[in-house]
């Protein structure tokens, strides 16, 4: 199996489908950023029908989901606060076969319009369950803010000092700095208040990541370039979503800016 750190470093490169050397950090305006405020129970009631429909339309998702279910069940009883569906979603997200780039690429563009989400985004189940799982874990971790880091090689992230930005996807970063240097290096240092710490594999307990939801916003507090190396510091400023409960007809329950609660 590919080491988790290597896999997630590659995932970070999938912030956009285009193979370019420079990736802008902005508000990711096309991201599907639903927080499901106030409609968690209704979404859970719709999951069975929705998931089977998506399995028919997205065979790769169906295949990876089945593997994730088997992997979760093989681990036996757990003291995790996550439900089986939430845990399976995290397992599916972490697996080599899917979804890392395929899912996140889709998340980055599914918010172009309501119709784009309804007609072409065949990861609605996974998006909801990951969002729900992160909210559950954030509650369990007492909503604490934490430092996190990401080093990317061969790609330059571009940002303006003072800008407010989002990743616009489920972004894995690391709780400690990665060692070593590489050509074209960008080092992201960030303070996240909505990302939660995850351990994807019981076989590799020391390999942990912090997973940041698409809707967390950050202020660019430092941006420096020296030669081919870039260093960016980001400070969490809250959350922002254009969409809420979109699968259920867009039932808005409050301001799109502000605190993130459980769906």
Protein backbone atom coordinates (compact mmCIF):
# COMPACT_ATOMS: atom_id res chain seq x y z
CA UNK A 1 0.00 0.00 0.00
CA UNK A 2 1.24 3.50 -0.80
CA UNK A 3 2.28 5.32 2.41
CA UNK A 4 -0.42 7.66 3.64
CA UNK A 5 1.80 10.74 3.67
CA UNK A 6 2.76 10.20 0.02
CA UNK A 7 -0.83 9.55 -0.99
CA UNK A 8 -2.15 12.68 0.69
CA UNK A 9 0.65 14.83 -0.66
CA UNK A 10 -0.45 13.74 -4.12
CA UNK A 11 -4.05 14.50 -3.20
CA UNK A 12 -3.14 18.04 -2.32
CA UNK A 13 -2.00 18.49 -5.90
CA UNK A 14 -5.54 17.75 -7.05
CA UNK A 15 -6.89 21.11 -5.99
CA UNK A 16 -7.60 21.65 -9.67
CA UNK A 17 -7.78 19.37 -12.65
CA UNK A 18 -5.45 21.52 -14.72
CA UNK A 19 -1.79 20.52 -14.75
CA UNK A 20 -0.20 23.91 -14.14
CA UNK A 21 2.68 25.22 -12.09
CA UNK A 22 0.69 27.98 -10.40
CA UNK A 23 -2.57 27.50 -8.51
CA UNK A 24 -4.44 30.57 -7.23
CA UNK A 25 -5.69 30.62 -3.67
CA UNK A 26 -9.05 32.39 -3.79
CA UNK A 27 -12.61 31.83 -2.57
CA UNK A 28 -13.04 28.81 -4.87
CA UNK A 29 -16.32 30.29 -6.15
CA UNK A 30 -17.41 27.13 -8.01
CA UNK A 31 -17.01 24.84 -4.99
CA UNK A 32 -19.99 22.93 -3.65
CA UNK A 33 -19.82 24.09 -0.05
CA UNK A 34 -23.04 22.90 1.62
CA UNK A 35 -22.87 22.70 5.43
CA UNK A 36 -26.35 21.09 5.73
CA UNK A 37 -27.31 23.41 8.57
CA UNK A 38 -30.59 22.29 10.08
CA UNK A 39 -31.25 19.40 7.69
CA UNK A 40 -29.00 16.61 8.96
CA UNK A 41 -31.86 14.28 9.97
CA UNK A 42 -33.68 14.82 6.68
CA UNK A 43 -30.51 14.12 4.71
CA UNK A 44 -29.89 10.92 6.67
CA UNK A 45 -33.45 9.81 5.89
CA UNK A 46 -32.77 10.36 2.18
CA UNK A 47 -29.40 8.57 2.13
CA UNK A 48 -30.53 5.04 1.28
CA UNK A 49 -32.36 6.05 -1.88
CA UNK A 50 -29.75 8.63 -2.81
CA UNK A 51 -26.78 6.31 -2.34
CA UNK A 52 -28.26 3.53 -4.49
CA UNK A 53 -28.99 6.04 -7.24
CA UNK A 54 -25.39 7.27 -7.10
CA UNK A 55 -23.98 3.74 -7.08
CA UNK A 56 -25.81 3.18 -10.37
CA UNK A 57 -24.44 6.38 -11.90
CA UNK A 58 -20.94 6.20 -10.44
CA UNK A 59 -19.59 2.66 -10.58
CA UNK A 60 -16.18 3.66 -9.26
CA UNK A 61 -17.78 5.17 -6.18
CA UNK A 62 -19.84 2.01 -5.67
CA UNK A 63 -16.71 -0.15 -5.91
CA UNK A 64 -14.71 1.91 -3.43
CA UNK A 65 -17.64 2.21 -1.04
CA UNK A 66 -17.99 -1.58 -0.92
CA UNK A 67 -14.27 -1.89 -0.13
CA UNK A 68 -14.58 0.75 2.58
CA UNK A 69 -17.53 -1.05 4.19
CA UNK A 70 -15.54 -4.30 4.26
CA UNK A 71 -12.49 -2.55 5.69
CA UNK A 72 -14.52 -0.84 8.41
CA UNK A 73 -16.26 -4.07 9.39
CA UNK A 74 -12.95 -5.94 9.53
CA UNK A 75 -11.66 -3.58 12.22
CA UNK A 76 -14.21 -4.79 14.76
CA UNK A 77 -15.82 -2.72 17.55
CA UNK A 78 -14.68 0.87 17.85
CA UNK A 79 -14.95 3.59 20.48
CA UNK A 80 -15.11 6.25 17.77
CA UNK A 81 -17.90 8.84 18.03
CA UNK A 82 -18.57 8.26 14.33
CA UNK A 83 -21.52 6.29 13.02
CA UNK A 84 -20.76 3.36 10.69
CA UNK A 85 -21.78 5.46 7.68
CA UNK A 86 -19.59 8.38 8.73
CA UNK A 87 -16.62 6.10 9.37
CA UNK A 88 -17.13 4.36 6.03
CA UNK A 89 -17.15 7.72 4.25
CA UNK A 90 -13.79 8.66 5.78
CA UNK A 91 -12.44 5.22 4.91
CA UNK A 92 -13.62 5.58 1.30
CA UNK A 93 -12.08 9.05 1.04
CA UNK A 94 -8.72 7.72 2.22
CA UNK A 95 -8.53 4.72 -0.12
CA UNK A 96 -6.10 4.61 -3.03
CA UNK A 97 -8.73 3.65 -5.61
CA UNK A 98 -11.08 6.63 -5.60
CA UNK A 99 -11.84 9.34 -4.89
CA UNK A 100 -9.13 11.54 -3.69
CA UNK A 101 -8.70 13.49 -6.90
CA UNK A 102 -11.93 12.37 -8.58
CA UNK A 103 -14.12 13.40 -5.67
CA UNK A 104 -12.33 16.64 -4.84
CA UNK A 105 -12.18 17.68 -8.49
CA UNK A 106 -15.95 17.23 -8.60
CA UNK A 107 -16.44 19.19 -5.35
CA UNK A 108 -14.44 22.09 -6.80
CA UNK A 109 -16.87 22.59 -9.70
CA UNK A 110 -20.23 21.23 -8.49
CA UNK A 111 -21.15 24.61 -7.06
CA UNK A 112 -21.17 26.35 -10.43
CA UNK A 113 -24.95 26.14 -10.31
CA UNK A 114 -27.75 24.26 -8.62
CA UNK A 115 -28.28 22.31 -11.83
CA UNK A 116 -24.63 21.30 -11.98
CA UNK A 117 -24.91 19.87 -8.48
CA UNK A 118 -28.20 18.08 -9.11
CA UNK A 119 -27.35 16.63 -12.53
CA UNK A 120 -23.61 16.01 -12.57
CA UNK A 121 -22.35 15.66 -9.00
CA UNK A 122 -22.60 11.96 -8.20
CA UNK A 123 -20.89 12.18 -4.81
CA UNK A 124 -23.77 13.74 -2.87
CA UNK A 125 -23.78 10.90 -0.33
CA UNK A 126 -20.04 11.11 0.28
CA UNK A 127 -20.10 14.91 0.53
CA UNK A 128 -22.84 14.86 3.15
CA UNK A 129 -21.33 12.05 5.21
CA UNK A 130 -17.86 13.60 5.23
CA UNK A 131 -19.30 16.95 6.27
CA UNK A 132 -21.36 15.24 8.97
CA UNK A 133 -18.37 13.19 10.15
CA UNK A 134 -16.15 16.26 10.45
CA UNK A 135 -18.84 18.03 12.49
CA UNK A 136 -19.11 15.01 14.80
CA UNK A 137 -15.35 14.84 15.28
CA UNK A 138 -15.09 18.59 15.77
CA UNK A 139 -17.62 18.31 18.59
CA UNK A 140 -15.66 15.41 20.09
CA UNK A 141 -12.41 17.39 19.82
CA UNK A 142 -14.15 20.35 21.52
CA UNK A 143 -13.89 22.59 18.48
CA UNK A 144 -10.25 23.36 19.16
CA UNK A 145 -8.14 25.30 16.69
CA UNK A 146 -4.88 23.70 15.61
CA UNK A 147 -1.77 24.39 13.56
CA UNK A 148 -1.29 22.42 10.36
CA UNK A 149 1.16 22.32 7.49
CA UNK A 150 1.46 21.28 3.89
CA UNK A 151 4.51 21.21 1.64
CA UNK A 152 3.88 20.90 -2.09
CA UNK A 153 6.68 20.40 -4.62
CA UNK A 154 6.71 21.70 -8.18
CA UNK A 155 3.62 23.86 -7.71
CA UNK A 156 3.32 27.47 -6.64
CA UNK A 157 0.25 28.65 -4.77
CA UNK A 158 -0.51 32.29 -5.52
CA UNK A 159 -2.24 34.61 -3.06
CA UNK A 160 -2.39 38.26 -2.06
CA UNK A 161 -1.56 39.38 1.45
CA UNK A 162 -4.77 40.14 3.32
CA UNK A 163 -7.01 38.13 0.99
CA UNK A 164 -9.71 35.81 2.32
CA UNK A 165 -9.48 32.38 0.69
CA UNK A 166 -10.91 28.86 0.84
CA UNK A 167 -9.54 25.56 -0.43
CA UNK A 168 -12.99 24.65 -1.76
CA UNK A 169 -12.46 20.92 -1.22
CA UNK A 170 -11.81 18.44 1.58
CA UNK A 171 -8.18 19.40 2.07
CA UNK A 172 -5.78 17.09 3.93
CA UNK A 173 -2.90 18.79 5.68
CA UNK A 174 -0.51 17.57 8.35
CA UNK A 175 -0.25 18.30 12.09
CA UNK A 176 3.54 18.71 11.82
CA UNK A 177 5.96 20.03 9.22
CA UNK A 178 7.17 17.65 6.54
CA UNK A 179 10.94 17.31 6.45
CA UNK A 180 13.24 17.74 3.47
CA UNK A 181 13.35 20.19 0.59
CA UNK A 182 12.28 20.00 -3.02
CA UNK A 183 12.34 22.14 -6.18
CA UNK A 184 9.50 24.62 -6.58
CA UNK A 185 8.46 24.20 -2.98
CA UNK A 186 5.41 25.87 -1.45
CA UNK A 187 5.04 25.64 2.32
CA UNK A 188 1.60 26.33 3.73
CA UNK A 189 1.41 27.04 7.45
CA UNK A 190 -2.12 27.48 8.70
CA UNK A 191 -4.26 27.81 11.78
CA UNK A 192 -7.51 25.93 11.27
CA UNK A 193 -10.51 26.02 13.59
CA UNK A 194 -12.75 23.72 11.54
CA UNK A 195 -10.30 21.06 10.39
CA UNK A 196 -10.22 17.90 12.49
CA UNK A 197 -7.46 15.40 13.14
CA UNK A 198 -7.94 11.97 11.58
CA UNK A 199 -6.12 8.68 11.71
CA UNK A 200 -7.03 6.81 8.55
CA UNK A 201 -5.20 3.57 9.31
CA UNK A 202 -5.03 1.58 12.55
CA UNK A 203 -1.91 -0.06 11.11
CA UNK A 204 -0.12 3.31 10.94
CA UNK A 205 -1.17 5.08 14.16
CA UNK A 206 1.51 7.76 13.84
CA UNK A 207 0.33 8.88 10.41
CA UNK A 208 -2.33 11.46 11.11
CA UNK A 209 -3.79 14.21 8.99
CA UNK A 210 -5.98 17.23 9.56
CA UNK A 211 -8.91 17.37 7.15
CA UNK A 212 -10.27 20.83 6.36
CA UNK A 213 -13.82 21.23 4.99
CA UNK A 214 -14.45 23.14 1.74
CA UNK A 215 -16.21 26.02 3.45
CA UNK A 216 -13.59 27.12 6.00
CA UNK A 217 -12.21 30.58 5.22
CA UNK A 218 -8.70 31.87 5.91
CA UNK A 219 -6.95 35.22 5.83
CA UNK A 220 -3.57 35.32 4.11
CA UNK A 221 -1.34 36.73 6.87
CA UNK A 222 2.02 36.13 5.18
CA UNK A 223 3.12 35.57 1.60
CA UNK A 224 6.81 35.46 0.74
CA UNK A 225 8.80 34.20 -2.24
CA UNK A 226 12.51 33.54 -2.35
CA UNK A 227 13.74 32.02 -5.59
CA UNK A 228 11.55 29.02 -6.35
CA UNK A 229 10.31 28.71 -2.76
CA UNK A 230 7.05 30.17 -1.47
CA UNK A 231 5.83 30.41 2.10
CA UNK A 232 2.21 31.20 2.94
CA UNK A 233 0.59 31.61 6.34
CA UNK A 234 -3.19 31.35 6.71
CA UNK A 235 -5.38 32.17 9.72
CA UNK A 236 -8.90 30.78 10.03
CA UNK A 237 -11.62 33.44 9.89
CA UNK A 238 -14.73 31.25 10.01
CA UNK A 239 -16.84 29.66 7.29
CA UNK A 240 -18.71 30.71 4.17
CA UNK A 241 -21.19 28.74 2.06
CA UNK A 242 -23.31 29.65 -0.95
CA UNK A 243 -25.40 26.50 -0.57
CA UNK A 244 -27.35 24.95 2.27
CA UNK A 245 -29.48 21.79 2.18
CA UNK A 246 -29.44 21.98 -1.61
CA UNK A 247 -30.52 18.37 -2.19
CA UNK A 248 -33.65 19.11 -0.16
CA UNK A 249 -34.49 22.22 -2.14
CA UNK A 250 -32.12 24.77 -0.70
CA UNK A 251 -33.68 25.23 2.74
CA UNK A 252 -31.65 28.08 4.18
CA UNK A 253 -31.57 28.22 7.97
CA UNK A 254 -29.29 31.17 8.60
CA UNK A 255 -26.43 33.34 7.46
CA UNK A 256 -23.98 31.65 5.13
CA UNK A 257 -21.12 33.24 7.08
CA UNK A 258 -20.27 32.31 10.63
CA UNK A 259 -20.05 29.31 12.90
CA UNK A 260 -20.28 25.78 11.67
CA UNK A 261 -22.62 23.55 13.63
CA UNK A 262 -23.68 19.96 13.33
CA UNK A 263 -25.95 19.32 10.29
